Protein backbone atom coordinates (compact mmCIF):
# COMPACT_ATOMS: atom_id res chain seq x y z
CA MET A 1 306.17 172.75 88.65
CA ILE A 2 309.80 172.16 89.67
CA THR A 3 309.93 171.89 93.48
CA SER A 4 313.30 169.93 93.76
CA PHE A 5 316.69 170.51 92.22
CA ASP A 6 316.70 166.87 91.24
CA GLN A 7 313.84 167.24 88.93
CA LEU A 8 315.78 169.34 86.60
CA ASP A 9 317.32 167.92 83.44
CA LEU A 10 320.86 169.31 83.60
CA SER A 11 321.42 168.51 79.87
CA LYS A 12 318.47 170.73 78.86
CA ARG A 13 318.67 174.52 78.25
CA TYR A 14 316.37 176.63 80.22
CA THR A 15 315.47 180.34 80.16
CA TYR A 16 314.83 183.02 82.84
CA ALA A 17 311.20 182.22 82.39
CA ASP A 18 311.79 178.71 83.56
CA TYR A 19 314.13 179.91 86.30
CA LEU A 20 311.20 182.03 87.88
CA THR A 21 309.03 179.05 88.32
CA TRP A 22 311.46 176.88 90.27
CA GLN A 23 310.72 176.43 93.89
CA PHE A 24 313.63 174.73 95.72
CA GLN A 25 316.11 175.94 98.31
CA GLU A 26 319.41 175.41 96.19
CA ARG A 27 320.91 178.48 94.64
CA VAL A 28 321.62 177.99 90.85
CA GLU A 29 322.75 180.15 87.89
CA LEU A 30 321.93 179.90 84.27
CA LEU A 31 325.07 179.82 82.01
CA ARG A 32 323.81 180.15 78.47
CA GLY A 33 320.81 178.09 79.34
CA LEU A 34 322.50 175.29 81.42
CA VAL A 35 321.99 175.06 85.16
CA ARG A 36 325.04 175.40 87.33
CA LYS A 37 324.39 174.71 91.00
CA MET A 38 326.29 177.21 93.12
CA SER A 39 328.70 176.26 95.94
CA PRO A 40 327.34 175.50 99.40
CA ALA A 41 327.32 178.20 102.01
CA PRO A 42 330.30 180.54 101.56
CA THR A 43 333.27 180.23 103.93
CA ASP A 44 333.87 182.77 106.74
CA THR A 45 336.83 184.12 104.48
CA HIS A 46 334.55 184.68 101.72
CA GLN A 47 332.06 186.55 103.73
CA ARG A 48 334.65 188.69 105.44
CA ILE A 49 335.96 189.69 101.99
CA ILE A 50 332.43 190.66 100.74
CA LEU A 51 331.75 192.64 103.95
CA ASN A 52 335.09 194.60 103.38
CA LEU A 53 334.27 195.16 99.85
CA SER A 54 330.73 196.34 100.52
CA PHE A 55 331.95 198.81 103.02
CA LEU A 56 334.69 200.13 100.62
CA PHE A 57 332.33 200.54 97.75
CA LYS A 58 329.41 202.13 99.89
CA GLY A 59 331.84 204.79 101.01
CA PHE A 60 333.08 205.56 97.61
CA LEU A 61 329.79 205.41 95.78
CA LYS A 62 327.85 207.67 98.25
CA GLY A 63 326.24 210.41 96.34
CA LYS A 64 327.13 209.04 92.99
CA LYS A 65 325.12 207.42 90.32
CA CYS A 66 326.60 204.12 90.26
CA GLN A 67 325.16 201.55 92.81
CA ALA A 68 326.78 198.28 94.28
CA ARG A 69 324.73 195.03 94.79
CA PRO A 70 326.20 192.08 96.80
CA ALA A 71 324.99 188.62 96.12
CA PRO A 72 322.48 186.94 96.18
CA TYR A 73 321.27 189.29 93.44
CA ASP A 74 320.20 188.19 90.01
CA VAL A 75 321.94 189.69 87.02
CA ARG A 76 320.12 188.74 83.75
CA LEU A 77 322.84 189.06 80.98
CA ILE A 78 322.02 189.61 77.30
CA ILE A 79 324.62 188.00 75.12
CA ALA A 80 324.48 188.86 71.41
CA LYS A 81 325.29 185.27 70.17
CA ASP A 82 322.46 183.78 72.32
CA THR A 83 319.83 186.56 71.89
CA PRO A 84 320.26 188.20 68.35
CA MET A 85 318.74 191.69 68.27
CA SER A 86 319.48 195.17 67.00
CA SER A 87 322.26 197.06 68.94
CA LYS A 88 319.53 199.78 69.97
CA ARG A 89 317.18 196.92 71.40
CA ARG A 90 320.19 195.27 73.29
CA LYS A 91 321.39 198.57 74.62
CA THR A 92 318.06 199.42 76.25
CA ALA A 93 317.37 195.75 77.28
CA LYS A 94 313.82 196.73 78.20
CA SER A 95 312.04 194.94 75.28
CA VAL A 96 313.93 191.65 76.11
CA SER A 97 311.35 188.89 77.22
CA ASP A 98 312.01 186.43 79.97
CA GLU A 99 311.85 183.59 77.42
CA GLU A 100 314.88 185.14 75.52
CA ILE A 101 317.15 185.45 78.63
CA GLN A 102 319.37 182.34 78.97
CA THR A 103 322.05 183.68 81.34
CA VAL A 104 321.33 184.57 85.00
CA VAL A 105 324.30 184.99 87.31
CA GLN A 106 324.89 186.19 90.71
CA PRO A 107 328.28 187.82 91.03
CA ASP A 108 329.63 188.28 94.55
CA LEU A 109 329.39 192.07 93.99
CA SER A 110 328.01 194.06 91.00
CA VAL A 111 328.41 197.63 90.20
CA ILE A 112 325.59 199.10 88.01
CA CYS A 113 325.97 202.68 86.71
CA ASP A 114 322.71 202.79 84.73
CA PRO A 115 319.81 203.06 87.15
CA SER A 116 317.27 202.05 84.37
CA LYS A 117 318.86 198.52 84.41
CA ILE A 118 317.75 197.90 88.11
CA ASP A 119 314.26 196.70 88.64
CA ARG A 120 312.54 194.74 91.38
CA ARG A 121 313.93 191.33 90.22
CA GLY A 122 317.81 192.59 90.08
CA CYS A 123 319.76 193.82 87.07
CA LEU A 124 318.62 193.54 83.37
CA GLY A 125 321.74 193.93 81.31
CA SER A 126 325.40 194.01 81.85
CA PRO A 127 326.75 195.74 85.16
CA ASP A 128 329.70 197.97 84.61
CA LEU A 129 331.89 196.04 87.05
CA VAL A 130 331.54 192.52 88.42
CA ILE A 131 333.60 190.94 91.30
CA GLU A 132 333.99 187.22 91.77
CA ILE A 133 335.65 185.66 94.87
CA LEU A 134 337.15 182.25 93.97
CA SER A 135 336.45 179.21 96.20
CA GLU A 136 337.78 175.76 96.08
CA GLY A 137 334.58 174.61 94.50
CA ASN A 138 334.17 177.32 91.83
CA ASN A 139 337.71 178.14 90.50
CA GLN A 140 337.13 176.56 87.08
CA ASP A 141 333.69 178.07 86.71
CA ASP A 142 334.85 181.55 87.40
CA THR A 143 338.15 181.42 85.62
CA VAL A 144 336.78 179.61 82.47
CA GLU A 145 332.96 179.63 82.04
CA LYS A 146 332.12 182.92 83.64
CA PHE A 147 335.10 184.83 82.32
CA ALA A 148 333.98 183.82 78.86
CA ILE A 149 330.27 184.90 79.60
CA TYR A 150 331.17 188.18 81.17
CA GLU A 151 333.36 188.92 78.37
CA SER A 152 330.72 188.03 75.82
CA ALA A 153 328.23 190.20 77.60
CA GLY A 154 330.56 193.20 77.35
CA ILE A 155 330.89 193.70 81.03
CA PRO A 156 333.62 196.37 80.96
CA GLU A 157 335.58 195.47 84.22
CA TYR A 158 335.80 192.11 86.00
CA TRP A 159 337.75 191.54 89.25
CA MET A 160 338.84 188.04 90.20
CA ILE A 161 339.78 187.69 93.79
CA HIS A 162 341.67 184.79 95.04
CA PRO A 163 341.28 184.73 98.97
CA TYR A 164 343.94 182.12 99.67
CA GLU A 165 346.64 183.55 97.55
CA GLN A 166 345.42 187.14 98.60
CA THR A 167 345.49 188.43 94.98
CA VAL A 168 343.21 190.45 92.79
CA ILE A 169 343.45 190.42 89.08
CA ILE A 170 341.40 193.05 87.14
CA TYR A 171 340.26 192.43 83.56
CA ILE A 172 339.37 195.22 81.31
CA LEU A 173 337.66 195.01 78.01
CA ASP A 174 339.87 196.18 75.02
CA ASN A 175 338.62 197.77 71.90
CA GLU A 176 338.01 194.30 70.41
CA GLY A 177 335.77 193.16 73.23
CA LYS A 178 338.46 190.97 74.76
CA TYR A 179 339.65 191.01 78.37
CA ILE A 180 343.17 192.15 79.26
CA GLY A 181 344.35 191.16 82.69
CA SER A 182 346.34 193.28 85.05
CA LYS A 183 349.26 192.03 87.11
CA PRO A 184 348.10 190.49 90.30
CA TYR A 185 347.45 193.02 92.96
CA VAL A 186 348.88 191.82 96.47
CA PRO A 187 348.22 193.34 99.87
CA SER A 188 351.18 195.65 99.66
CA THR A 189 349.78 197.52 96.73
CA GLN A 190 346.84 199.77 95.65
CA LEU A 191 344.30 199.10 92.90
CA THR A 192 342.42 201.40 90.92
CA SER A 193 339.34 201.08 88.52
CA GLU A 194 338.97 202.24 84.91
CA VAL A 195 335.15 202.20 85.34
CA LEU A 196 335.05 204.01 88.46
CA PRO A 197 337.73 207.01 88.23
CA GLY A 198 338.99 208.06 91.55
CA LEU A 199 338.50 204.72 93.26
CA VAL A 200 341.70 203.72 95.03
CA ILE A 201 341.75 200.72 97.43
CA ASP A 202 344.58 199.36 99.48
CA VAL A 203 344.47 195.67 98.64
CA GLU A 204 345.21 194.77 102.31
CA GLU A 205 341.98 196.34 103.27
CA ILE A 206 340.15 193.70 101.16
CA PHE A 207 341.66 190.64 102.91
CA GLU A 208 341.88 192.16 106.48
């Protein structure tokens, strides 16, 4: 039994089944089987942005099928290259075992429009939209590693928020499964979502 983060072999690849047995305080993610320790307690700026986003999304999604979930919230992603399966099986995600899942992430905010993906352990399968707030310690992870993972998992929309520059970049999957980025949205502008038609946010409300 793993009871301390130091007991993990960071060169080894683990699965969600392993992840469930770990009993230590540190928050970690699995990126294609490799353990990534998450940043220490978020800054006040980070938490303020999450609170603002949660309020904005809660109001917009009230009475709608889609649901928002802030971190900490486990999202188990099924990436075709890592877990070969038929398209039908991958779509339902229900027949994927814990031993087959190699990627478990905790986006700052996830929006899930398929209620069947939500279970008592979090989300099984790709959310429709994920939001990550960059910090000084995780910029490379979110701009390189997680960008590639979210793209490979087929997450239709990915928002990358830079709290210090006060910008939001929205990435949308094109027909070839590649992300196309928007111009940076700044506090004097409004942003919209392709996944959530009708959503309009004044960017300054995210950072106020």
